[in-house]
PDB file of N, CA and C in Angstrom:
ATOM      1  N   MET A   1       3.692  14.282 -12.281  1.00  0.00           N
ATOM      2  CA  MET A   1       2.445  14.658 -11.668  1.00  0.00           C
ATOM      3  C   MET A   1       1.490  13.471 -11.738  1.00  0.00           C
ATOM      4  N   ILE A   2       0.795  13.209 -10.655  1.00  0.00           N
ATOM      5  CA  ILE A   2      -0.153  12.102 -10.573  1.00  0.00           C
ATOM      6  C   ILE A   2      -1.542  12.686 -10.353  1.00  0.00           C
ATOM      7  N   TYR A   3      -2.511  12.166 -11.078  1.00  0.00           N
ATOM      8  CA  TYR A   3      -3.896  12.563 -10.858  1.00  0.00           C
ATOM      9  C   TYR A   3      -4.655  11.362 -10.333  1.00  0.00           C
ATOM     10  N   LEU A   4      -5.346  11.523  -9.236  1.00  0.00           N
ATOM     11  CA  LEU A   4      -6.192  10.472  -8.702  1.00  0.00           C
ATOM     12  C   LEU A   4      -7.631  10.881  -8.946  1.00  0.00           C
ATOM     13  N   ILE A   5      -8.354  10.084  -9.703  1.00  0.00           N
ATOM     14  CA  ILE A   5      -9.748  10.368 -10.011  1.00  0.00           C
ATOM     15  C   ILE A   5     -10.600   9.354  -9.264  1.00  0.00           C
ATOM     16  N   PHE A   6     -11.576   9.823  -8.510  1.00  0.00           N
ATOM     17  CA  PHE A   6     -12.450   8.953  -7.744  1.00  0.00           C
ATOM     18  C   PHE A   6     -13.806   8.900  -8.415  1.00  0.00           C
ATOM     19  N   SER A   7     -14.251   7.695  -8.735  1.00  0.00           N
ATOM     20  CA  SER A   7     -15.598   7.556  -9.276  1.00  0.00           C
ATOM     21  C   SER A   7     -16.573   7.427  -8.117  1.00  0.00           C
ATOM     22  N   GLU A   8     -17.850   7.639  -8.382  1.00  0.00           N
ATOM     23  CA  GLU A   8     -18.837   7.516  -7.312  1.00  0.00           C
ATOM     24  C   GLU A   8     -18.911   6.092  -6.798  1.00  0.00           C
ATOM     25  N   ASP A   9     -18.504   5.100  -7.596  1.00  0.00           N
ATOM     26  CA  ASP A   9     -18.497   3.713  -7.133  1.00  0.00           C
ATOM     27  C   ASP A   9     -17.493   3.507  -6.009  1.00  0.00           C
ATOM     28  N   ASP A  10     -16.447   4.348  -5.975  1.00  0.00           N
ATOM     29  CA  ASP A  10     -15.398   4.220  -4.978  1.00  0.00           C
ATOM     30  C   ASP A  10     -15.711   4.968  -3.688  1.00  0.00           C
ATOM     31  N   MET A  11     -16.833   5.691  -3.653  1.00  0.00           N
ATOM     32  CA  MET A  11     -17.136   6.541  -2.512  1.00  0.00           C
ATOM     33  C   MET A  11     -18.323   6.019  -1.721  1.00  0.00           C
ATOM     34  N   ASP A  12     -18.279   6.239  -0.413  1.00  0.00           N
ATOM     35  CA  ASP A  12     -19.447   5.940   0.394  1.00  0.00           C
ATOM     36  C   ASP A  12     -20.432   7.099   0.264  1.00  0.00           C
ATOM     37  N   ASP A  13     -21.633   6.959   0.822  1.00  0.00           N
ATOM     38  CA  ASP A  13     -22.678   7.977   0.676  1.00  0.00           C
ATOM     39  C   ASP A  13     -22.239   9.340   1.202  1.00  0.00           C
ATOM     40  N   GLN A  14     -21.509   9.359   2.311  1.00  0.00           N
ATOM     41  CA  GLN A  14     -21.062  10.620   2.882  1.00  0.00           C
ATOM     42  C   GLN A  14     -20.065  11.318   1.951  1.00  0.00           C
ATOM     43  N   SER A  15     -19.156  10.547   1.336  1.00  0.00           N
ATOM     44  CA  SER A  15     -18.149  11.128   0.455  1.00  0.00           C
ATOM     45  C   SER A  15     -18.754  11.682  -0.823  1.00  0.00           C
ATOM     46  N   LYS A  16     -19.868  11.099  -1.286  1.00  0.00           N
ATOM     47  CA  LYS A  16     -20.496  11.559  -2.528  1.00  0.00           C
ATOM     48  C   LYS A  16     -21.001  12.990  -2.415  1.00  0.00           C
ATOM     49  N   ASN A  17     -21.237  13.467  -1.188  1.00  0.00           N
ATOM     50  CA  ASN A  17     -21.698  14.832  -0.987  1.00  0.00           C
ATOM     51  C   ASN A  17     -20.582  15.848  -1.204  1.00  0.00           C
ATOM     52  N   HIS A  18     -19.326  15.426  -1.159  1.00  0.00           N
ATOM     53  CA  HIS A  18     -18.205  16.329  -1.375  1.00  0.00           C
ATOM     54  C   HIS A  18     -17.959  16.460  -2.869  1.00  0.00           C
ATOM     55  N   LYS A  19     -17.593  17.656  -3.319  1.00  0.00           N
ATOM     56  CA  LYS A  19     -17.399  17.924  -4.741  1.00  0.00           C
ATOM     57  C   LYS A  19     -16.010  17.543  -5.237  1.00  0.00           C
ATOM     58  N   ALA A  20     -15.015  17.441  -4.348  1.00  0.00           N
ATOM     59  CA  ALA A  20     -13.652  17.155  -4.788  1.00  0.00           C
ATOM     60  C   ALA A  20     -13.559  15.719  -5.289  1.00  0.00           C
ATOM     61  N   THR A  21     -13.277  15.559  -6.581  1.00  0.00           N
ATOM     62  CA  THR A  21     -13.142  14.227  -7.152  1.00  0.00           C
ATOM     63  C   THR A  21     -11.779  14.026  -7.792  1.00  0.00           C
ATOM     64  N   GLU A  22     -10.913  15.032  -7.734  1.00  0.00           N
ATOM     65  CA  GLU A  22      -9.598  14.931  -8.338  1.00  0.00           C
ATOM     66  C   GLU A  22      -8.568  15.495  -7.385  1.00  0.00           C
ATOM     67  N   ILE A  23      -7.461  14.765  -7.236  1.00  0.00           N
ATOM     68  CA  ILE A  23      -6.354  15.226  -6.412  1.00  0.00           C
ATOM     69  C   ILE A  23      -5.125  15.290  -7.298  1.00  0.00           C
ATOM     70  N   GLN A  24      -4.460  16.408  -7.307  1.00  0.00           N
ATOM     71  CA  GLN A  24      -3.230  16.569  -8.082  1.00  0.00           C
ATOM     72  C   GLN A  24      -2.056  16.417  -7.131  1.00  0.00           C
ATOM     73  N   ILE A  25      -1.154  15.492  -7.445  1.00  0.00           N
ATOM     74  CA  ILE A  25       0.015  15.246  -6.611  1.00  0.00           C
ATOM     75  C   ILE A  25       1.258  15.520  -7.448  1.00  0.00           C
ATOM     76  N   ASN A  26       2.100  16.421  -6.981  1.00  0.00           N
ATOM     77  CA  ASN A  26       3.352  16.723  -7.673  1.00  0.00           C
ATOM     78  C   ASN A  26       4.460  15.863  -7.087  1.00  0.00           C
ATOM     79  N   THR A  27       5.267  15.276  -7.958  1.00  0.00           N
ATOM     80  CA  THR A  27       6.351  14.419  -7.503  1.00  0.00           C
ATOM     81  C   THR A  27       7.465  14.385  -8.540  1.00  0.00           C
ATOM     82  N   GLY A  28       8.624  13.951  -8.106  1.00  0.00           N
ATOM     83  CA  GLY A  28       9.751  13.798  -9.017  1.00  0.00           C
ATOM     84  C   GLY A  28       9.721  12.436  -9.694  1.00  0.00           C
ATOM     85  N   ASP A  29      10.537  12.272 -10.720  1.00  0.00           N
ATOM     86  CA  ASP A  29      10.573  11.031 -11.500  1.00  0.00           C
ATOM     87  C   ASP A  29      10.940   9.814 -10.667  1.00  0.00           C
ATOM     88  N   GLU A  30      11.887   9.963  -9.747  1.00  0.00           N
ATOM     89  CA  GLU A  30      12.326   8.819  -8.943  1.00  0.00           C
ATOM     90  C   GLU A  30      11.170   8.239  -8.127  1.00  0.00           C
ATOM     91  N   ILE A  31      10.408   9.084  -7.478  1.00  0.00           N
ATOM     92  CA  ILE A  31       9.269   8.616  -6.684  1.00  0.00           C
ATOM     93  C   ILE A  31       8.176   8.079  -7.597  1.00  0.00           C
ATOM     94  N   LEU A  32       7.966   8.723  -8.721  1.00  0.00           N
ATOM     95  CA  LEU A  32       6.925   8.301  -9.656  1.00  0.00           C
ATOM     96  C   LEU A  32       7.166   6.880 -10.163  1.00  0.00           C
ATOM     97  N   ARG A  33       8.424   6.507 -10.350  1.00  0.00           N
ATOM     98  CA  ARG A  33       8.747   5.154 -10.829  1.00  0.00           C
ATOM     99  C   ARG A  33       8.399   4.092  -9.794  1.00  0.00           C
ATOM    100  N   GLY A  34       8.405   4.453  -8.522  1.00  0.00           N
ATOM    101  CA  GLY A  34       8.081   3.493  -7.466  1.00  0.00           C
ATOM    102  C   GLY A  34       9.259   2.620  -7.101  1.00  0.00           C
ATOM    103  N   LYS A  35       9.068   1.822  -6.074  1.00  0.00           N
ATOM    104  CA  LYS A  35      10.091   0.893  -5.590  1.00  0.00           C
ATOM    105  C   LYS A  35       9.451  -0.483  -5.454  1.00  0.00           C
ATOM    106  N   TYR A  36      10.198  -1.516  -5.777  1.00  0.00           N
ATOM    107  CA  TYR A  36       9.717  -2.882  -5.620  1.00  0.00           C
ATOM    108  C   TYR A  36      10.089  -3.391  -4.237  1.00  0.00           C
ATOM    109  N   SER A  37       9.147  -4.079  -3.599  1.00  0.00           N
ATOM    110  CA  SER A  37       9.387  -4.687  -2.302  1.00  0.00           C
ATOM    111  C   SER A  37       8.748  -6.071  -2.296  1.00  0.00           C
ATOM    112  N   ASN A  38       9.468  -7.054  -1.765  1.00  0.00           N
ATOM    113  CA  ASN A  38       8.901  -8.397  -1.675  1.00  0.00           C
ATOM    114  C   ASN A  38       8.823  -8.897  -0.234  1.00  0.00           C
ATOM    115  N   ASN A  39       8.980  -7.961   0.714  1.00  0.00           N
ATOM    116  CA  ASN A  39       8.884  -8.329   2.120  1.00  0.00           C
ATOM    117  C   ASN A  39       8.677  -7.059   2.946  1.00  0.00           C
ATOM    118  N   MET A  40       8.193  -7.210   4.142  1.00  0.00           N
ATOM    119  CA  MET A  40       8.025  -6.045   5.007  1.00  0.00           C
ATOM    120  C   MET A  40       8.062  -6.446   6.471  1.00  0.00           C
ATOM    121  N   ILE A  41       8.343  -5.456   7.304  1.00  0.00           N
ATOM    122  CA  ILE A  41       8.315  -5.609   8.752  1.00  0.00           C
ATOM    123  C   ILE A  41       7.447  -4.483   9.294  1.00  0.00           C
ATOM    124  N   ALA A  42       6.570  -4.804  10.214  1.00  0.00           N
ATOM    125  CA  ALA A  42       5.730  -3.790  10.853  1.00  0.00           C
ATOM    126  C   ALA A  42       6.025  -3.797  12.352  1.00  0.00           C
ATOM    127  N   ALA A  43       6.147  -2.598  12.923  1.00  0.00           N
ATOM    128  CA  ALA A  43       6.352  -2.445  14.358  1.00  0.00           C
ATOM    129  C   ALA A  43       5.507  -1.261  14.813  1.00  0.00           C
ATOM    130  N   HIS A  44       5.275  -1.183  16.117  1.00  0.00           N
ATOM    131  CA  HIS A  44       4.466  -0.065  16.613  1.00  0.00           C
ATOM    132  C   HIS A  44       4.836   0.299  18.047  1.00  0.00           C
ATOM    133  N   SER A  45       4.503   1.527  18.385  1.00  0.00           N
ATOM    134  CA  SER A  45       4.542   2.019  19.760  1.00  0.00           C
ATOM    135  C   SER A  45       3.131   2.539  20.041  1.00  0.00           C
ATOM    136  N   ALA A  46       2.934   3.166  21.159  1.00  0.00           N
ATOM    137  CA  ALA A  46       1.611   3.723  21.466  1.00  0.00           C
ATOM    138  C   ALA A  46       1.250   4.859  20.521  1.00  0.00           C
ATOM    139  N   ASP A  47       2.251   5.517  19.939  1.00  0.00           N
ATOM    140  CA  ASP A  47       2.016   6.720  19.143  1.00  0.00           C
ATOM    141  C   ASP A  47       2.151   6.547  17.638  1.00  0.00           C
ATOM    142  N   GLU A  48       2.792   5.466  17.171  1.00  0.00           N
ATOM    143  CA  GLU A  48       3.037   5.353  15.737  1.00  0.00           C
ATOM    144  C   GLU A  48       3.243   3.909  15.299  1.00  0.00           C
ATOM    145  N   PHE A  49       3.042   3.697  14.014  1.00  0.00           N
ATOM    146  CA  PHE A  49       3.358   2.440  13.353  1.00  0.00           C
ATOM    147  C   PHE A  49       4.524   2.697  12.422  1.00  0.00           C
ATOM    148  N   ILE A  50       5.446   1.755  12.358  1.00  0.00           N
ATOM    149  CA  ILE A  50       6.578   1.843  11.449  1.00  0.00           C
ATOM    150  C   ILE A  50       6.470   0.670  10.483  1.00  0.00           C
ATOM    151  N   LEU A  51       6.444   0.977   9.196  1.00  0.00           N
ATOM    152  CA  LEU A  51       6.385  -0.034   8.148  1.00  0.00           C
ATOM    153  C   LEU A  51       7.699   0.014   7.375  1.00  0.00           C
ATOM    154  N   ASP A  52       8.487  -1.043   7.464  1.00  0.00           N
ATOM    155  CA  ASP A  52       9.732  -1.150   6.715  1.00  0.00           C
ATOM    156  C   ASP A  52       9.482  -2.053   5.515  1.00  0.00           C
ATOM    157  N   TRP A  53       9.623  -1.496   4.324  1.00  0.00           N
ATOM    158  CA  TRP A  53       9.459  -2.239   3.074  1.00  0.00           C
ATOM    159  C   TRP A  53      10.842  -2.709   2.642  1.00  0.00           C
ATOM    160  N   LEU A  54      10.996  -4.006   2.421  1.00  0.00           N
ATOM    161  CA  LEU A  54      12.285  -4.635   2.168  1.00  0.00           C
ATOM    162  C   LEU A  54      12.305  -5.318   0.810  1.00  0.00           C
ATOM    163  N   ILE A  55      13.520  -5.541   0.319  1.00  0.00           N
ATOM    164  CA  ILE A  55      13.689  -6.414  -0.849  1.00  0.00           C
ATOM    165  C   ILE A  55      14.674  -7.501  -0.450  1.00  0.00           C
ATOM    166  N   ASN A  56      14.235  -8.730  -0.643  1.00  0.00           N
ATOM    167  CA  ASN A  56      15.071  -9.895  -0.380  1.00  0.00           C
ATOM    168  C   ASN A  56      15.709 -10.269  -1.708  1.00  0.00           C
ATOM    169  N   SER A  57      17.015 -10.085  -1.815  1.00  0.00           N
ATOM    170  CA  SER A  57      17.714 -10.322  -3.081  1.00  0.00           C
ATOM    171  C   SER A  57      18.916 -11.226  -2.838  1.00  0.00           C
ATOM    172  N   PRO A  58      19.562 -11.696  -3.911  1.00  0.00           N
ATOM    173  CA  PRO A  58      20.746 -12.551  -3.732  1.00  0.00           C
ATOM    174  C   PRO A  58      21.844 -11.901  -2.891  1.00  0.00           C
ATOM    175  N   SER A  59      21.905 -10.582  -2.887  1.00  0.00           N
ATOM    176  CA  SER A  59      22.955  -9.917  -2.099  1.00  0.00           C
ATOM    177  C   SER A  59      22.516  -9.627  -0.662  1.00  0.00           C
ATOM    178  N   GLY A  60      21.327 -10.089  -0.277  1.00  0.00           N
ATOM    179  CA  GLY A  60      20.847  -9.902   1.085  1.00  0.00           C
ATOM    180  C   GLY A  60      19.548  -9.130   1.138  1.00  0.00           C
ATOM    181  N   VAL A  61      19.118  -8.825   2.343  1.00  0.00           N
ATOM    182  CA  VAL A  61      17.883  -8.071   2.547  1.00  0.00           C
ATOM    183  C   VAL A  61      18.249  -6.591   2.670  1.00  0.00           C
ATOM    184  N   HIS A  62      17.528  -5.746   1.915  1.00  0.00           N
ATOM    185  CA  HIS A  62      17.804  -4.315   1.896  1.00  0.00           C
ATOM    186  C   HIS A  62      16.534  -3.535   2.196  1.00  0.00           C
ATOM    187  N   LEU A  63      16.670  -2.458   2.964  1.00  0.00           N
ATOM    188  CA  LEU A  63      15.552  -1.575   3.243  1.00  0.00           C
ATOM    189  C   LEU A  63      15.270  -0.736   2.002  1.00  0.00           C
ATOM    190  N   VAL A  64      14.035  -0.789   1.522  1.00  0.00           N
ATOM    191  CA  VAL A  64      13.613  -0.021   0.351  1.00  0.00           C
ATOM    192  C   VAL A  64      13.017   1.307   0.793  1.00  0.00           C
ATOM    193  N   SER A  65      12.167   1.252   1.819  1.00  0.00           N
ATOM    194  CA  SER A  65      11.501   2.463   2.288  1.00  0.00           C
ATOM    195  C   SER A  65      10.989   2.232   3.701  1.00  0.00           C
ATOM    196  N   ARG A  66      10.944   3.309   4.478  1.00  0.00           N
ATOM    197  CA  ARG A  66      10.365   3.259   5.822  1.00  0.00           C
ATOM    198  C   ARG A  66       9.266   4.314   5.880  1.00  0.00           C
ATOM    199  N   ILE A  67       8.073   3.883   6.264  1.00  0.00           N
ATOM    200  CA  ILE A  67       6.930   4.778   6.396  1.00  0.00           C
ATOM    201  C   ILE A  67       6.491   4.753   7.856  1.00  0.00           C
ATOM    202  N   ILE A  68       6.321   5.929   8.441  1.00  0.00           N
ATOM    203  CA  ILE A  68       5.889   6.050   9.834  1.00  0.00           C
ATOM    204  C   ILE A  68       4.562   6.792   9.849  1.00  0.00           C
ATOM    205  N   VAL A  69       3.543   6.176  10.458  1.00  0.00           N
ATOM    206  CA  VAL A  69       2.196   6.768  10.467  1.00  0.00           C
ATOM    207  C   VAL A  69       1.577   6.669  11.855  1.00  0.00           C
ATOM    208  N   THR A  70       0.553   7.484  12.074  1.00  0.00           N
ATOM    209  CA  THR A  70      -0.186   7.436  13.338  1.00  0.00           C
ATOM    210  C   THR A  70      -1.079   6.194  13.357  1.00  0.00           C
ATOM    211  N   PRO A  71      -1.498   5.754  14.542  1.00  0.00           N
ATOM    212  CA  PRO A  71      -2.418   4.620  14.608  1.00  0.00           C
ATOM    213  C   PRO A  71      -3.720   4.857  13.822  1.00  0.00           C
ATOM    214  N   ALA A  72      -4.269   6.065  13.875  1.00  0.00           N
ATOM    215  CA  ALA A  72      -5.497   6.357  13.135  1.00  0.00           C
ATOM    216  C   ALA A  72      -5.278   6.228  11.631  1.00  0.00           C
ATOM    217  N   HIS A  73      -4.123   6.706  11.163  1.00  0.00           N
ATOM    218  CA  HIS A  73      -3.842   6.596   9.724  1.00  0.00           C
ATOM    219  C   HIS A  73      -3.596   5.137   9.335  1.00  0.00           C
ATOM    220  N   MET A  74      -2.959   4.376  10.213  1.00  0.00           N
ATOM    221  CA  MET A  74      -2.741   2.954   9.942  1.00  0.00           C
ATOM    222  C   MET A  74      -4.070   2.244   9.755  1.00  0.00           C
ATOM    223  N   LYS A  75      -5.046   2.575  10.579  1.00  0.00           N
ATOM    224  CA  LYS A  75      -6.385   1.980  10.461  1.00  0.00           C
ATOM    225  C   LYS A  75      -6.978   2.297   9.093  1.00  0.00           C
ATOM    226  N   ARG A  76      -6.847   3.555   8.639  1.00  0.00           N
ATOM    227  CA  ARG A  76      -7.359   3.930   7.311  1.00  0.00           C
ATOM    228  C   ARG A  76      -6.614   3.196   6.199  1.00  0.00           C
ATOM    229  N   ILE A  77      -5.305   3.026   6.351  1.00  0.00           N
ATOM    230  CA  ILE A  77      -4.511   2.294   5.352  1.00  0.00           C
ATOM    231  C   ILE A  77      -5.008   0.862   5.246  1.00  0.00           C
ATOM    232  N   ILE A  78      -5.193   0.202   6.380  1.00  0.00           N
ATOM    233  CA  ILE A  78      -5.658  -1.187   6.380  1.00  0.00           C
ATOM    234  C   ILE A  78      -7.037  -1.281   5.733  1.00  0.00           C
ATOM    235  N   ASP A  79      -7.932  -0.360   6.055  1.00  0.00           N
ATOM    236  CA  ASP A  79      -9.277  -0.374   5.472  1.00  0.00           C
ATOM    237  C   ASP A  79      -9.234  -0.236   3.951  1.00  0.00           C
ATOM    238  N   VAL A  80      -8.423   0.698   3.448  1.00  0.00           N
ATOM    239  CA  VAL A  80      -8.375   0.903   1.998  1.00  0.00           C
ATOM    240  C   VAL A  80      -7.672  -0.266   1.300  1.00  0.00           C
ATOM    241  N   LEU A  81      -6.681  -0.868   1.952  1.00  0.00           N
ATOM    242  CA  LEU A  81      -6.038  -2.047   1.372  1.00  0.00           C
ATOM    243  C   LEU A  81      -7.011  -3.225   1.296  1.00  0.00           C
ATOM    244  N   LYS A  82      -7.790  -3.428   2.357  1.00  0.00           N
ATOM    245  CA  LYS A  82      -8.800  -4.498   2.342  1.00  0.00           C
ATOM    246  C   LYS A  82      -9.810  -4.267   1.223  1.00  0.00           C
ATOM    247  N   GLU A  83     -10.274  -3.030   1.100  1.00  0.00           N
ATOM    248  CA  GLU A  83     -11.253  -2.687   0.059  1.00  0.00           C
ATOM    249  C   GLU A  83     -10.681  -2.949  -1.337  1.00  0.00           C
ATOM    250  N   ASN A  84      -9.441  -2.539  -1.568  1.00  0.00           N
ATOM    251  CA  ASN A  84      -8.824  -2.749  -2.877  1.00  0.00           C
ATOM    252  C   ASN A  84      -8.524  -4.212  -3.142  1.00  0.00           C
ATOM    253  N   LEU A  85      -8.149  -4.963  -2.122  1.00  0.00           N
ATOM    254  CA  LEU A  85      -7.918  -6.394  -2.287  1.00  0.00           C
ATOM    255  C   LEU A  85      -9.220  -7.105  -2.661  1.00  0.00           C
ATOM    256  N   ASP A  86     -10.315  -6.728  -2.021  1.00  0.00           N
ATOM    257  CA  ASP A  86     -11.624  -7.303  -2.371  1.00  0.00           C
ATOM    258  C   ASP A  86     -11.982  -7.007  -3.818  1.00  0.00           C
ATOM    259  N   LYS A  87     -11.756  -5.772  -4.269  1.00  0.00           N
ATOM    260  CA  LYS A  87     -12.051  -5.393  -5.660  1.00  0.00           C
ATOM    261  C   LYS A  87     -11.176  -6.183  -6.625  1.00  0.00           C
ATOM    262  N   TYR A  88      -9.898  -6.344  -6.277  1.00  0.00           N
ATOM    263  CA  TYR A  88      -8.969  -7.104  -7.117  1.00  0.00           C
ATOM    264  C   TYR A  88      -9.452  -8.539  -7.285  1.00  0.00           C
ATOM    265  N   GLU A  89      -9.802  -9.174  -6.156  1.00  0.00           N
ATOM    266  CA  GLU A  89     -10.216 -10.575  -6.215  1.00  0.00           C
ATOM    267  C   GLU A  89     -11.548 -10.751  -6.930  1.00  0.00           C
ATOM    268  N   LYS A  90     -12.421  -9.773  -6.858  1.00  0.00           N
ATOM    269  CA  LYS A  90     -13.662  -9.850  -7.626  1.00  0.00           C
ATOM    270  C   LYS A  90     -13.378  -9.808  -9.122  1.00  0.00           C
ATOM    271  N   GLN A  91     -12.381  -9.012  -9.507  1.00  0.00           N
ATOM    272  CA  GLN A  91     -12.061  -8.861 -10.922  1.00  0.00           C
ATOM    273  C   GLN A  91     -11.191  -9.997 -11.454  1.00  0.00           C
ATOM    274  N   PHE A  92     -10.196 -10.439 -10.660  1.00  0.00           N
ATOM    275  CA  PHE A  92      -9.209 -11.394 -11.155  1.00  0.00           C
ATOM    276  C   PHE A  92      -9.250 -12.758 -10.480  1.00  0.00           C
ATOM    277  N   GLY A  93     -10.078 -12.932  -9.465  1.00  0.00           N
ATOM    278  CA  GLY A  93     -10.140 -14.198  -8.739  1.00  0.00           C
ATOM    279  C   GLY A  93      -9.284 -14.174  -7.484  1.00  0.00           C
ATOM    280  N   SER A  94      -9.472 -15.197  -6.668  1.00  0.00           N
ATOM    281  CA  SER A  94      -8.759 -15.281  -5.389  1.00  0.00           C
ATOM    282  C   SER A  94      -7.256 -15.367  -5.594  1.00  0.00           C
ATOM    283  N   ILE A  95      -6.532 -14.736  -4.710  1.00  0.00           N
ATOM    284  CA  ILE A  95      -5.075 -14.783  -4.734  1.00  0.00           C
ATOM    285  C   ILE A  95      -4.639 -16.011  -3.954  1.00  0.00           C
ATOM    286  N   LYS A  96      -3.821 -16.827  -4.568  1.00  0.00           N
ATOM    287  CA  LYS A  96      -3.290 -18.025  -3.924  1.00  0.00           C
ATOM    288  C   LYS A  96      -2.001 -17.655  -3.201  1.00  0.00           C
ATOM    289  N   GLU A  97      -1.947 -17.952  -1.908  1.00  0.00           N
ATOM    290  CA  GLU A  97      -0.731 -17.689  -1.149  1.00  0.00           C
ATOM    291  C   GLU A  97       0.269 -18.811  -1.388  1.00  0.00           C
ATOM    292  N   PRO A  98       1.557 -18.481  -1.531  1.00  0.00           N
ATOM    293  CA  PRO A  98       2.559 -19.522  -1.773  1.00  0.00           C
ATOM    294  C   PRO A  98       2.662 -20.476  -0.585  1.00  0.00           C
ATOM    295  N   VAL A  99       2.916 -21.733  -0.887  1.00  0.00           N
ATOM    296  CA  VAL A  99       3.030 -22.754   0.151  1.00  0.00           C
ATOM    297  C   VAL A  99       4.411 -22.717   0.798  1.00  0.00           C
ATOM    298  N   SER A 100       5.439 -22.444   0.023  1.00  0.00           N
ATOM    299  CA  SER A 100       6.816 -22.454   0.512  1.00  0.00           C
ATOM    300  C   SER A 100       7.073 -21.311   1.485  1.00  0.00           C
ATOM    301  N   THR A 101       7.820 -21.624   2.535  1.00  0.00           N
ATOM    302  CA  THR A 101       8.251 -20.577   3.470  1.00  0.00           C
ATOM    303  C   THR A 101       9.730 -20.269   3.286  1.00  0.00           C
ATOM    304  N   ASP A 102      10.348 -20.920   2.308  1.00  0.00           N
ATOM    305  CA  ASP A 102      11.771 -20.690   2.013  1.00  0.00           C
ATOM    306  C   ASP A 102      11.873 -19.517   1.045  1.00  0.00           C
ATOM    307  N   HIS A 103      12.299 -18.366   1.572  1.00  0.00           N
ATOM    308  CA  HIS A 103      12.404 -17.164   0.756  1.00  0.00           C
ATOM    309  C   HIS A 103      13.850 -16.850   0.377  1.00  0.00           C
ATOM    310  N   LYS A 104      14.747 -17.842   0.542  1.00  0.00           N
ATOM    311  CA  LYS A 104      16.152 -17.638   0.230  1.00  0.00           C
ATOM    312  C   LYS A 104      16.379 -17.779  -1.268  1.00  0.00           C
ATOM    313  N   PHE A 105      17.352 -17.038  -1.751  1.00  0.00           N
ATOM    314  CA  PHE A 105      17.796 -17.210  -3.135  1.00  0.00           C
ATOM    315  C   PHE A 105      18.830 -18.326  -3.165  1.00  0.00           C
ATOM    316  N   HIS A 106      18.730 -19.215  -4.148  1.00  0.00           N
ATOM    317  CA  HIS A 106      19.645 -20.366  -4.227  1.00  0.00           C
ATOM    318  C   HIS A 106      20.549 -20.238  -5.425  1.00  0.00           C
TER     319      HIS A 106
END
């Protein structure tokens, strides 16, 4: 079981008017552990976005998970990722992107 607690710092003015501050999510152990991904592919049609999360390993590239969402939900995902990335960099400093484009295992 996962509990998501939202502080007022995480909410905009409109959201602060809502009383729900806790979401209970039921899940199994396998999903709770999560999956590691070091690469992804994004594709879209007029109706949906497809996000393929991959792992590039010595034995090749493997699909870890595929998530399909509506364009409106994709917009919300991007917004929340940007917001969390900004918070991360404020706390831990700027993230340096790797210079190498060689992602092969040697």
